[in-house]
Amino acid sequence: MHGGVGEPGREPLGGSALEPALLDRARDDGVKRELVSIQRFKGLGEMNPGQLWETALNPDTRKLLQVRVEDRTKTFALFNMLMSRKEAEKRCEWMEENGSTVEADV
């Protein structure tokens, strides 16, 4: 089974401990502070159409990544656990067990 996911070219990340690092990076890149606007969205549904285009849909800035599902049953069970409202306790346990394996480049 094959599929694809979109990776935004620019991801709003404001309102968190990352904000000072983002502002430092912008300053180091020569961007004036007054030109920087940091926003954080929990999901695509919170964005207005212009923000959605700029962060996720613009073909000039987004990346499409191929996804290959080796074990459909296991993958769907994991996806359901991560997304279902009824699985909050399992999701919390999973995040505690697997949270340190995340690689983030900010």
PDB file of N, CA and C in Angstrom:
ATOM      1  N   MET A   1       0.850  -1.172   0.000  1.00  0.00           N
ATOM      2  CA  MET A   1       0.000   0.000   0.000  1.00  0.00           C
ATOM      3  C   MET A   1       0.894   1.234   0.000  1.00  0.00           C
ATOM      4  N   HIS A   2       0.598   2.172  -0.859  1.00  0.00           N
ATOM      5  CA  HIS A   2       1.381   3.397  -0.963  1.00  0.00           C
ATOM      6  C   HIS A   2       0.462   4.597  -0.765  1.00  0.00           C
ATOM      7  N   GLY A   3       1.025   5.660  -0.310  1.00  0.00           N
ATOM      8  CA  GLY A   3       0.283   6.895  -0.137  1.00  0.00           C
ATOM      9  C   GLY A   3       1.258   8.046  -0.123  1.00  0.00           C
ATOM     10  N   GLY A   4       0.776   9.197   0.200  1.00  0.00           N
ATOM     11  CA  GLY A   4       1.649  10.357   0.259  1.00  0.00           C
ATOM     12  C   GLY A   4       1.181  11.321   1.323  1.00  0.00           C
ATOM     13  N   VAL A   5       2.108  12.091   1.832  1.00  0.00           N
ATOM     14  CA  VAL A   5       1.775  13.152   2.776  1.00  0.00           C
ATOM     15  C   VAL A   5       2.463  14.420   2.314  1.00  0.00           C
ATOM     16  N   GLY A   6       1.882  15.530   2.643  1.00  0.00           N
ATOM     17  CA  GLY A   6       2.486  16.809   2.322  1.00  0.00           C
ATOM     18  C   GLY A   6       3.265  17.335   3.507  1.00  0.00           C
ATOM     19  N   GLU A   7       4.410  17.868   3.240  1.00  0.00           N
ATOM     20  CA  GLU A   7       5.203  18.511   4.279  1.00  0.00           C
ATOM     21  C   GLU A   7       5.253  19.981   3.939  1.00  0.00           C
ATOM     22  N   PRO A   8       4.689  20.841   4.817  1.00  0.00           N
ATOM     23  CA  PRO A   8       4.666  22.265   4.504  1.00  0.00           C
ATOM     24  C   PRO A   8       6.065  22.828   4.330  1.00  0.00           C
ATOM     25  N   GLY A   9       6.179  23.810   3.468  1.00  0.00           N
ATOM     26  CA  GLY A   9       7.449  24.478   3.297  1.00  0.00           C
ATOM     27  C   GLY A   9       7.773  25.386   4.468  1.00  0.00           C
ATOM     28  N   ARG A  10       6.758  25.823   5.167  1.00  0.00           N
ATOM     29  CA  ARG A  10       6.931  26.696   6.329  1.00  0.00           C
ATOM     30  C   ARG A  10       5.860  26.326   7.327  1.00  0.00           C
ATOM     31  N   GLU A  11       6.251  26.038   8.550  1.00  0.00           N
ATOM     32  CA  GLU A  11       5.297  25.608   9.558  1.00  0.00           C
ATOM     33  C   GLU A  11       5.219  26.613  10.692  1.00  0.00           C
ATOM     34  N   PRO A  12       4.041  27.195  10.952  1.00  0.00           N
ATOM     35  CA  PRO A  12       3.911  28.114  12.071  1.00  0.00           C
ATOM     36  C   PRO A  12       4.147  27.399  13.389  1.00  0.00           C
ATOM     37  N   LEU A  13       5.010  27.949  14.255  1.00  0.00           N
ATOM     38  CA  LEU A  13       5.369  27.296  15.505  1.00  0.00           C
ATOM     39  C   LEU A  13       5.345  28.227  16.708  1.00  0.00           C
ATOM     40  N   GLY A  14       4.745  29.362  16.604  1.00  0.00           N
ATOM     41  CA  GLY A  14       4.815  30.332  17.693  1.00  0.00           C
ATOM     42  C   GLY A  14       4.084  29.890  18.934  1.00  0.00           C
ATOM     43  N   GLY A  15       4.262  30.681  20.020  1.00  0.00           N
ATOM     44  CA  GLY A  15       3.578  30.411  21.266  1.00  0.00           C
ATOM     45  C   GLY A  15       4.165  29.269  22.056  1.00  0.00           C
ATOM     46  N   SER A  16       5.411  28.965  21.861  1.00  0.00           N
ATOM     47  CA  SER A  16       6.014  27.856  22.584  1.00  0.00           C
ATOM     48  C   SER A  16       7.430  28.213  22.984  1.00  0.00           C
ATOM     49  N   ALA A  17       8.096  27.247  23.606  1.00  0.00           N
ATOM     50  CA  ALA A  17       9.490  27.448  24.005  1.00  0.00           C
ATOM     51  C   ALA A  17      10.390  27.640  22.787  1.00  0.00           C
ATOM     52  N   LEU A  18       9.909  27.297  21.599  1.00  0.00           N
ATOM     53  CA  LEU A  18      10.700  27.444  20.377  1.00  0.00           C
ATOM     54  C   LEU A  18      10.776  28.883  19.886  1.00  0.00           C
ATOM     55  N   GLU A  19       9.871  29.725  20.355  1.00  0.00           N
ATOM     56  CA  GLU A  19       9.798  31.083  19.823  1.00  0.00           C
ATOM     57  C   GLU A  19      11.109  31.858  19.945  1.00  0.00           C
ATOM     58  N   PRO A  20      11.793  31.857  21.104  1.00  0.00           N
ATOM     59  CA  PRO A  20      13.067  32.589  21.166  1.00  0.00           C
ATOM     60  C   PRO A  20      14.095  32.081  20.159  1.00  0.00           C
ATOM     61  N   ALA A  21      14.159  30.772  19.965  1.00  0.00           N
ATOM     62  CA  ALA A  21      15.108  30.210  19.006  1.00  0.00           C
ATOM     63  C   ALA A  21      14.760  30.632  17.583  1.00  0.00           C
ATOM     64  N   LEU A  22      13.464  30.671  17.271  1.00  0.00           N
ATOM     65  CA  LEU A  22      13.042  31.101  15.932  1.00  0.00           C
ATOM     66  C   LEU A  22      13.383  32.565  15.697  1.00  0.00           C
ATOM     67  N   LEU A  23      13.164  33.388  16.717  1.00  0.00           N
ATOM     68  CA  LEU A  23      13.493  34.806  16.583  1.00  0.00           C
ATOM     69  C   LEU A  23      15.000  35.010  16.447  1.00  0.00           C
ATOM     70  N   ASP A  24      15.793  34.237  17.203  1.00  0.00           N
ATOM     71  CA  ASP A  24      17.251  34.319  17.080  1.00  0.00           C
ATOM     72  C   ASP A  24      17.697  33.924  15.678  1.00  0.00           C
ATOM     73  N   ARG A  25      17.076  32.875  15.148  1.00  0.00           N
ATOM     74  CA  ARG A  25      17.436  32.410  13.802  1.00  0.00           C
ATOM     75  C   ARG A  25      17.113  33.471  12.748  1.00  0.00           C
ATOM     76  N   ALA A  26      15.943  34.099  12.892  1.00  0.00           N
ATOM     77  CA  ALA A  26      15.563  35.157  11.956  1.00  0.00           C
ATOM     78  C   ALA A  26      16.551  36.319  12.044  1.00  0.00           C
ATOM     79  N   ARG A  27      16.901  36.705  13.268  1.00  0.00           N
ATOM     80  CA  ARG A  27      17.867  37.794  13.453  1.00  0.00           C
ATOM     81  C   ARG A  27      19.211  37.440  12.810  1.00  0.00           C
ATOM     82  N   ASP A  28      19.669  36.202  13.035  1.00  0.00           N
ATOM     83  CA  ASP A  28      20.941  35.752  12.458  1.00  0.00           C
ATOM     84  C   ASP A  28      20.902  35.753  10.931  1.00  0.00           C
ATOM     85  N   ASP A  29      19.701  35.551  10.376  1.00  0.00           N
ATOM     86  CA  ASP A  29      19.529  35.559   8.924  1.00  0.00           C
ATOM     87  C   ASP A  29      19.323  36.974   8.381  1.00  0.00           C
ATOM     88  N   GLY A  30      19.384  37.969   9.278  1.00  0.00           N
ATOM     89  CA  GLY A  30      19.267  39.354   8.845  1.00  0.00           C
ATOM     90  C   GLY A  30      17.848  39.862   8.695  1.00  0.00           C
ATOM     91  N   VAL A  31      16.874  39.152   9.289  1.00  0.00           N
ATOM     92  CA  VAL A  31      15.474  39.571   9.196  1.00  0.00           C
ATOM     93  C   VAL A  31      15.154  40.474  10.383  1.00  0.00           C
ATOM     94  N   LYS A  32      14.554  41.628  10.106  1.00  0.00           N
ATOM     95  CA  LYS A  32      14.187  42.557  11.168  1.00  0.00           C
ATOM     96  C   LYS A  32      13.048  41.989  12.003  1.00  0.00           C
ATOM     97  N   ARG A  33      13.114  42.163  13.307  1.00  0.00           N
ATOM     98  CA  ARG A  33      12.122  41.615  14.238  1.00  0.00           C
ATOM     99  C   ARG A  33      10.701  42.036  13.870  1.00  0.00           C
ATOM    100  N   GLU A  34      10.517  43.281  13.466  1.00  0.00           N
ATOM    101  CA  GLU A  34       9.169  43.766  13.155  1.00  0.00           C
ATOM    102  C   GLU A  34       8.569  43.096  11.913  1.00  0.00           C
ATOM    103  N   LEU A  35       9.381  42.402  11.147  1.00  0.00           N
ATOM    104  CA  LEU A  35       8.887  41.692   9.966  1.00  0.00           C
ATOM    105  C   LEU A  35       8.539  40.231  10.267  1.00  0.00           C
ATOM    106  N   VAL A  36       8.816  39.786  11.507  1.00  0.00           N
ATOM    107  CA  VAL A  36       8.582  38.390  11.880  1.00  0.00           C
ATOM    108  C   VAL A  36       7.225  38.261  12.560  1.00  0.00           C
ATOM    109  N   SER A  37       6.435  37.318  12.084  1.00  0.00           N
ATOM    110  CA  SER A  37       5.145  37.006  12.695  1.00  0.00           C
ATOM    111  C   SER A  37       5.110  35.503  12.941  1.00  0.00           C
ATOM    112  N   ILE A  38       5.001  35.129  14.196  1.00  0.00           N
ATOM    113  CA  ILE A  38       4.985  33.704  14.550  1.00  0.00           C
ATOM    114  C   ILE A  38       3.585  33.344  15.009  1.00  0.00           C
ATOM    115  N   GLN A  39       3.037  32.287  14.415  1.00  0.00           N
ATOM    116  CA  GLN A  39       1.706  31.805  14.768  1.00  0.00           C
ATOM    117  C   GLN A  39       1.768  30.303  14.964  1.00  0.00           C
ATOM    118  N   ARG A  40       0.846  29.781  15.757  1.00  0.00           N
ATOM    119  CA  ARG A  40       0.780  28.344  15.980  1.00  0.00           C
ATOM    120  C   ARG A  40      -0.640  27.878  15.681  1.00  0.00           C
ATOM    121  N   PHE A  41      -0.738  26.821  14.893  1.00  0.00           N
ATOM    122  CA  PHE A  41      -2.026  26.239  14.562  1.00  0.00           C
ATOM    123  C   PHE A  41      -2.043  24.793  15.034  1.00  0.00           C
ATOM    124  N   LYS A  42      -3.134  24.383  15.642  1.00  0.00           N
ATOM    125  CA  LYS A  42      -3.266  22.994  16.067  1.00  0.00           C
ATOM    126  C   LYS A  42      -3.598  22.108  14.871  1.00  0.00           C
ATOM    127  N   GLY A  43      -4.258  22.667  13.905  1.00  0.00           N
ATOM    128  CA  GLY A  43      -4.644  21.877  12.743  1.00  0.00           C
ATOM    129  C   GLY A  43      -4.977  22.766  11.563  1.00  0.00           C
ATOM    130  N   LEU A  44      -5.105  22.155  10.421  1.00  0.00           N
ATOM    131  CA  LEU A  44      -5.371  22.912   9.203  1.00  0.00           C
ATOM    132  C   LEU A  44      -6.701  23.643   9.256  1.00  0.00           C
ATOM    133  N   GLY A  45      -7.661  23.111   9.998  1.00  0.00           N
ATOM    134  CA  GLY A  45      -8.982  23.719  10.082  1.00  0.00           C
ATOM    135  C   GLY A  45      -8.988  25.066  10.778  1.00  0.00           C
ATOM    136  N   GLU A  46      -7.930  25.404  11.508  1.00  0.00           N
ATOM    137  CA  GLU A  46      -7.854  26.684  12.207  1.00  0.00           C
ATOM    138  C   GLU A  46      -7.297  27.802  11.329  1.00  0.00           C
ATOM    139  N   MET A  47      -6.799  27.461  10.161  1.00  0.00           N
ATOM    140  CA  MET A  47      -6.181  28.457   9.292  1.00  0.00           C
ATOM    141  C   MET A  47      -7.208  29.080   8.356  1.00  0.00           C
ATOM    142  N   ASN A  48      -6.963  30.346   8.010  1.00  0.00           N
ATOM    143  CA  ASN A  48      -7.796  30.938   6.976  1.00  0.00           C
ATOM    144  C   ASN A  48      -7.229  30.482   5.619  1.00  0.00           C
ATOM    145  N   PRO A  49      -7.949  30.663   4.523  1.00  0.00           N
ATOM    146  CA  PRO A  49      -7.487  30.145   3.229  1.00  0.00           C
ATOM    147  C   PRO A  49      -6.089  30.611   2.815  1.00  0.00           C
ATOM    148  N   GLY A  50      -5.751  31.870   3.087  1.00  0.00           N
ATOM    149  CA  GLY A  50      -4.426  32.373   2.718  1.00  0.00           C
ATOM    150  C   GLY A  50      -3.315  31.686   3.489  1.00  0.00           C
ATOM    151  N   GLN A  51      -3.549  31.465   4.794  1.00  0.00           N
ATOM    152  CA  GLN A  51      -2.554  30.777   5.617  1.00  0.00           C
ATOM    153  C   GLN A  51      -2.406  29.316   5.180  1.00  0.00           C
ATOM    154  N   LEU A  52      -3.511  28.680   4.858  1.00  0.00           N
ATOM    155  CA  LEU A  52      -3.477  27.292   4.413  1.00  0.00           C
ATOM    156  C   LEU A  52      -2.676  27.171   3.108  1.00  0.00           C
ATOM    157  N   TRP A  53      -2.903  28.071   2.168  1.00  0.00           N
ATOM    158  CA  TRP A  53      -2.153  28.067   0.914  1.00  0.00           C
ATOM    159  C   TRP A  53      -0.663  28.258   1.178  1.00  0.00           C
ATOM    160  N   GLU A  54      -0.332  29.237   2.004  1.00  0.00           N
ATOM    161  CA  GLU A  54       1.061  29.588   2.256  1.00  0.00           C
ATOM    162  C   GLU A  54       1.825  28.481   2.981  1.00  0.00           C
ATOM    163  N   THR A  55       1.170  27.761   3.889  1.00  0.00           N
ATOM    164  CA  THR A  55       1.880  26.775   4.708  1.00  0.00           C
ATOM    165  C   THR A  55       1.787  25.342   4.213  1.00  0.00           C
ATOM    166  N   ALA A  56       0.729  24.998   3.460  1.00  0.00           N
ATOM    167  CA  ALA A  56       0.552  23.586   3.123  1.00  0.00           C
ATOM    168  C   ALA A  56       0.230  23.283   1.659  1.00  0.00           C
ATOM    169  N   LEU A  57      -0.364  24.206   0.948  1.00  0.00           N
ATOM    170  CA  LEU A  57      -0.850  23.886  -0.387  1.00  0.00           C
ATOM    171  C   LEU A  57      -0.011  24.424  -1.541  1.00  0.00           C
ATOM    172  N   ASN A  58       0.780  25.438  -1.310  1.00  0.00           N
ATOM    173  CA  ASN A  58       1.542  26.065  -2.389  1.00  0.00           C
ATOM    174  C   ASN A  58       2.559  25.081  -2.968  1.00  0.00           C
ATOM    175  N   PRO A  59       2.405  24.676  -4.221  1.00  0.00           N
ATOM    176  CA  PRO A  59       3.322  23.686  -4.804  1.00  0.00           C
ATOM    177  C   PRO A  59       4.762  24.180  -4.926  1.00  0.00           C
ATOM    178  N   ASP A  60       4.979  25.490  -4.847  1.00  0.00           N
ATOM    179  CA  ASP A  60       6.343  26.018  -4.933  1.00  0.00           C
ATOM    180  C   ASP A  60       7.110  25.875  -3.630  1.00  0.00           C
ATOM    181  N   THR A  61       6.413  25.684  -2.506  1.00  0.00           N
ATOM    182  CA  THR A  61       7.105  25.624  -1.213  1.00  0.00           C
ATOM    183  C   THR A  61       6.884  24.329  -0.443  1.00  0.00           C
ATOM    184  N   ARG A  62       5.891  23.547  -0.800  1.00  0.00           N
ATOM    185  CA  ARG A  62       5.637  22.315  -0.051  1.00  0.00           C
ATOM    186  C   ARG A  62       6.482  21.173  -0.599  1.00  0.00           C
ATOM    187  N   LYS A  63       6.581  20.123   0.176  1.00  0.00           N
ATOM    188  CA  LYS A  63       7.237  18.894  -0.271  1.00  0.00           C
ATOM    189  C   LYS A  63       6.240  17.754  -0.117  1.00  0.00           C
ATOM    190  N   LEU A  64       6.212  16.865  -1.077  1.00  0.00           N
ATOM    191  CA  LEU A  64       5.389  15.665  -0.972  1.00  0.00           C
ATOM    192  C   LEU A  64       6.310  14.495  -0.667  1.00  0.00           C
ATOM    193  N   LEU A  65       5.957  13.743   0.345  1.00  0.00           N
ATOM    194  CA  LEU A  65       6.761  12.606   0.762  1.00  0.00           C
ATOM    195  C   LEU A  65       5.974  11.324   0.545  1.00  0.00           C
ATOM    196  N   GLN A  66       6.606  10.333  -0.046  1.00  0.00           N
ATOM    197  CA  GLN A  66       5.938   9.056  -0.268  1.00  0.00           C
ATOM    198  C   GLN A  66       5.930   8.268   1.032  1.00  0.00           C
ATOM    199  N   VAL A  67       4.805   7.635   1.302  1.00  0.00           N
ATOM    200  CA  VAL A  67       4.651   6.812   2.489  1.00  0.00           C
ATOM    201  C   VAL A  67       4.341   5.391   2.035  1.00  0.00           C
ATOM    202  N   ARG A  68       5.033   4.438   2.622  1.00  0.00           N
ATOM    203  CA  ARG A  68       4.781   3.038   2.291  1.00  0.00           C
ATOM    204  C   ARG A  68       4.344   2.315   3.557  1.00  0.00           C
ATOM    205  N   VAL A  69       3.182   1.708   3.509  1.00  0.00           N
ATOM    206  CA  VAL A  69       2.632   0.985   4.649  1.00  0.00           C
ATOM    207  C   VAL A  69       2.940  -0.494   4.461  1.00  0.00           C
ATOM    208  N   GLU A  70       3.759  -1.020   5.357  1.00  0.00           N
ATOM    209  CA  GLU A  70       4.149  -2.435   5.276  1.00  0.00           C
ATOM    210  C   GLU A  70       3.101  -3.346   5.917  1.00  0.00           C
ATOM    211  N   ASP A  71       2.551  -2.922   7.049  1.00  0.00           N
ATOM    212  CA  ASP A  71       1.581  -3.735   7.781  1.00  0.00           C
ATOM    213  C   ASP A  71       0.318  -2.901   7.973  1.00  0.00           C
ATOM    214  N   ARG A  72      -0.634  -3.119   7.094  1.00  0.00           N
ATOM    215  CA  ARG A  72      -1.848  -2.294   7.081  1.00  0.00           C
ATOM    216  C   ARG A  72      -2.600  -2.351   8.410  1.00  0.00           C
ATOM    217  N   THR A  73      -2.772  -3.520   8.970  1.00  0.00           N
ATOM    218  CA  THR A  73      -3.524  -3.680  10.216  1.00  0.00           C
ATOM    219  C   THR A  73      -2.848  -2.939  11.370  1.00  0.00           C
ATOM    220  N   LYS A  74      -1.545  -3.126  11.489  1.00  0.00           N
ATOM    221  CA  LYS A  74      -0.792  -2.468  12.563  1.00  0.00           C
ATOM    222  C   LYS A  74      -0.797  -0.940  12.378  1.00  0.00           C
ATOM    223  N   THR A  75      -0.650  -0.490  11.141  1.00  0.00           N
ATOM    224  CA  THR A  75      -0.641   0.942  10.860  1.00  0.00           C
ATOM    225  C   THR A  75      -1.986   1.572  11.168  1.00  0.00           C
ATOM    226  N   PHE A  76      -3.073   0.949  10.750  1.00  0.00           N
ATOM    227  CA  PHE A  76      -4.398   1.496  11.018  1.00  0.00           C
ATOM    228  C   PHE A  76      -4.697   1.509  12.512  1.00  0.00           C
ATOM    229  N   ALA A  77      -4.245   0.483  13.249  1.00  0.00           N
ATOM    230  CA  ALA A  77      -4.448   0.449  14.698  1.00  0.00           C
ATOM    231  C   ALA A  77      -3.693   1.605  15.368  1.00  0.00           C
ATOM    232  N   LEU A  78      -2.455   1.843  14.932  1.00  0.00           N
ATOM    233  CA  LEU A  78      -1.668   2.943  15.486  1.00  0.00           C
ATOM    234  C   LEU A  78      -2.318   4.289  15.148  1.00  0.00           C
ATOM    235  N   PHE A  79      -2.720   4.461  13.904  1.00  0.00           N
ATOM    236  CA  PHE A  79      -3.357   5.708  13.484  1.00  0.00           C
ATOM    237  C   PHE A  79      -4.637   5.948  14.286  1.00  0.00           C
ATOM    238  N   ASN A  80      -5.438   4.923  14.470  1.00  0.00           N
ATOM    239  CA  ASN A  80      -6.673   5.042  15.236  1.00  0.00           C
ATOM    240  C   ASN A  80      -6.371   5.441  16.677  1.00  0.00           C
ATOM    241  N   MET A  81      -5.361   4.829  17.280  1.00  0.00           N
ATOM    242  CA  MET A  81      -4.992   5.156  18.656  1.00  0.00           C
ATOM    243  C   MET A  81      -4.538   6.614  18.755  1.00  0.00           C
ATOM    244  N   LEU A  82      -3.790   7.095  17.773  1.00  0.00           N
ATOM    245  CA  LEU A  82      -3.285   8.467  17.809  1.00  0.00           C
ATOM    246  C   LEU A  82      -4.375   9.506  17.550  1.00  0.00           C
ATOM    247  N   MET A  83      -5.397   9.144  16.795  1.00  0.00           N
ATOM    248  CA  MET A  83      -6.392  10.127  16.371  1.00  0.00           C
ATOM    249  C   MET A  83      -7.739  10.029  17.098  1.00  0.00           C
ATOM    250  N   SER A  84      -8.038   8.908  17.699  1.00  0.00           N
ATOM    251  CA  SER A  84      -9.359   8.699  18.289  1.00  0.00           C
ATOM    252  C   SER A  84      -9.514   9.400  19.633  1.00  0.00           C
ATOM    253  N   ARG A  85     -10.649  10.018  19.844  1.00  0.00           N
ATOM    254  CA  ARG A  85     -10.949  10.642  21.132  1.00  0.00           C
ATOM    255  C   ARG A  85     -11.062   9.594  22.233  1.00  0.00           C
ATOM    256  N   LYS A  86     -11.435   8.385  21.867  1.00  0.00           N
ATOM    257  CA  LYS A  86     -11.651   7.325  22.859  1.00  0.00           C
ATOM    258  C   LYS A  86     -10.357   6.671  23.328  1.00  0.00           C
ATOM    259  N   GLU A  87      -9.239   7.028  22.732  1.00  0.00           N
ATOM    260  CA  GLU A  87      -7.961   6.385  23.029  1.00  0.00           C
ATOM    261  C   GLU A  87      -6.979   7.307  23.757  1.00  0.00           C
ATOM    262  N   ALA A  88      -7.467   8.292  24.483  1.00  0.00           N
ATOM    263  CA  ALA A  88      -6.588   9.278  25.111  1.00  0.00           C
ATOM    264  C   ALA A  88      -5.583   8.643  26.065  1.00  0.00           C
ATOM    265  N   GLU A  89      -5.998   7.691  26.866  1.00  0.00           N
ATOM    266  CA  GLU A  89      -5.090   7.064  27.834  1.00  0.00           C
ATOM    267  C   GLU A  89      -3.975   6.292  27.124  1.00  0.00           C
ATOM    268  N   LYS A  90      -4.336   5.505  26.112  1.00  0.00           N
ATOM    269  CA  LYS A  90      -3.323   4.770  25.342  1.00  0.00           C
ATOM    270  C   LYS A  90      -2.381   5.726  24.611  1.00  0.00           C
ATOM    271  N   ARG A  91      -2.948   6.810  24.064  1.00  0.00           N
ATOM    272  CA  ARG A  91      -2.143   7.793  23.343  1.00  0.00           C
ATOM    273  C   ARG A  91      -1.119   8.445  24.275  1.00  0.00           C
ATOM    274  N   CYS A  92      -1.539   8.785  25.483  1.00  0.00           N
ATOM    275  CA  CYS A  92      -0.640   9.387  26.465  1.00  0.00           C
ATOM    276  C   CYS A  92       0.494   8.422  26.814  1.00  0.00           C
ATOM    277  N   GLU A  93       0.168   7.161  27.044  1.00  0.00           N
ATOM    278  CA  GLU A  93       1.190   6.148  27.335  1.00  0.00           C
ATOM    279  C   GLU A  93       2.162   6.017  26.167  1.00  0.00           C
ATOM    280  N   TRP A  94       1.619   5.979  24.944  1.00  0.00           N
ATOM    281  CA  TRP A  94       2.467   5.838  23.754  1.00  0.00           C
ATOM    282  C   TRP A  94       3.418   7.012  23.624  1.00  0.00           C
ATOM    283  N   MET A  95       2.907   8.236  23.849  1.00  0.00           N
ATOM    284  CA  MET A  95       3.753   9.421  23.723  1.00  0.00           C
ATOM    285  C   MET A  95       4.852   9.427  24.788  1.00  0.00           C
ATOM    286  N   GLU A  96       4.537   8.988  26.002  1.00  0.00           N
ATOM    287  CA  GLU A  96       5.555   8.911  27.053  1.00  0.00           C
ATOM    288  C   GLU A  96       6.640   7.903  26.695  1.00  0.00           C
ATOM    289  N   GLU A  97       6.253   6.787  26.107  1.00  0.00           N
ATOM    290  CA  GLU A  97       7.208   5.740  25.730  1.00  0.00           C
ATOM    291  C   GLU A  97       8.033   6.117  24.496  1.00  0.00           C
ATOM    292  N   ASN A  98       7.436   6.822  23.549  1.00  0.00           N
ATOM    293  CA  ASN A  98       8.080   7.066  22.256  1.00  0.00           C
ATOM    294  C   ASN A  98       8.495   8.511  22.003  1.00  0.00           C
ATOM    295  N   GLY A  99       8.171   9.406  22.909  1.00  0.00           N
ATOM    296  CA  GLY A  99       8.457  10.822  22.694  1.00  0.00           C
ATOM    297  C   GLY A  99       9.915  11.158  22.484  1.00  0.00           C
ATOM    298  N   SER A 100      10.801  10.409  23.109  1.00  0.00           N
ATOM    299  CA  SER A 100      12.231  10.722  22.986  1.00  0.00           C
ATOM    300  C   SER A 100      12.817  10.277  21.650  1.00  0.00           C
ATOM    301  N   THR A 101      12.051   9.578  20.835  1.00  0.00           N
ATOM    302  CA  THR A 101      12.563   9.118  19.548  1.00  0.00           C
ATOM    303  C   THR A 101      12.334  10.115  18.423  1.00  0.00           C
ATOM    304  N   VAL A 102      11.644  11.211  18.717  1.00  0.00           N
ATOM    305  CA  VAL A 102      11.328  12.217  17.707  1.00  0.00           C
ATOM    306  C   VAL A 102      12.573  13.028  17.361  1.00  0.00           C
ATOM    307  N   GLU A 103      12.794  13.228  16.073  1.00  0.00           N
ATOM    308  CA  GLU A 103      13.860  14.087  15.595  1.00  0.00           C
ATOM    309  C   GLU A 103      13.229  15.349  15.035  1.00  0.00           C
ATOM    310  N   ALA A 104      13.632  16.499  15.571  1.00  0.00           N
ATOM    311  CA  ALA A 104      13.083  17.769  15.105  1.00  0.00           C
ATOM    312  C   ALA A 104      14.202  18.706  14.710  1.00  0.00           C
ATOM    313  N   ASP A 105      14.040  19.316  13.556  1.00  0.00           N
ATOM    314  CA  ASP A 105      15.002  20.303  13.061  1.00  0.00           C
ATOM    315  C   ASP A 105      14.296  21.641  13.017  1.00  0.00           C
ATOM    316  N   VAL A 106      14.622  22.485  13.974  1.00  0.00           N
ATOM    317  CA  VAL A 106      13.940  23.787  14.068  1.00  0.00           C
ATOM    318  C   VAL A 106      14.939  24.882  13.771  1.00  0.00           C
TER     319      VAL A 106
END
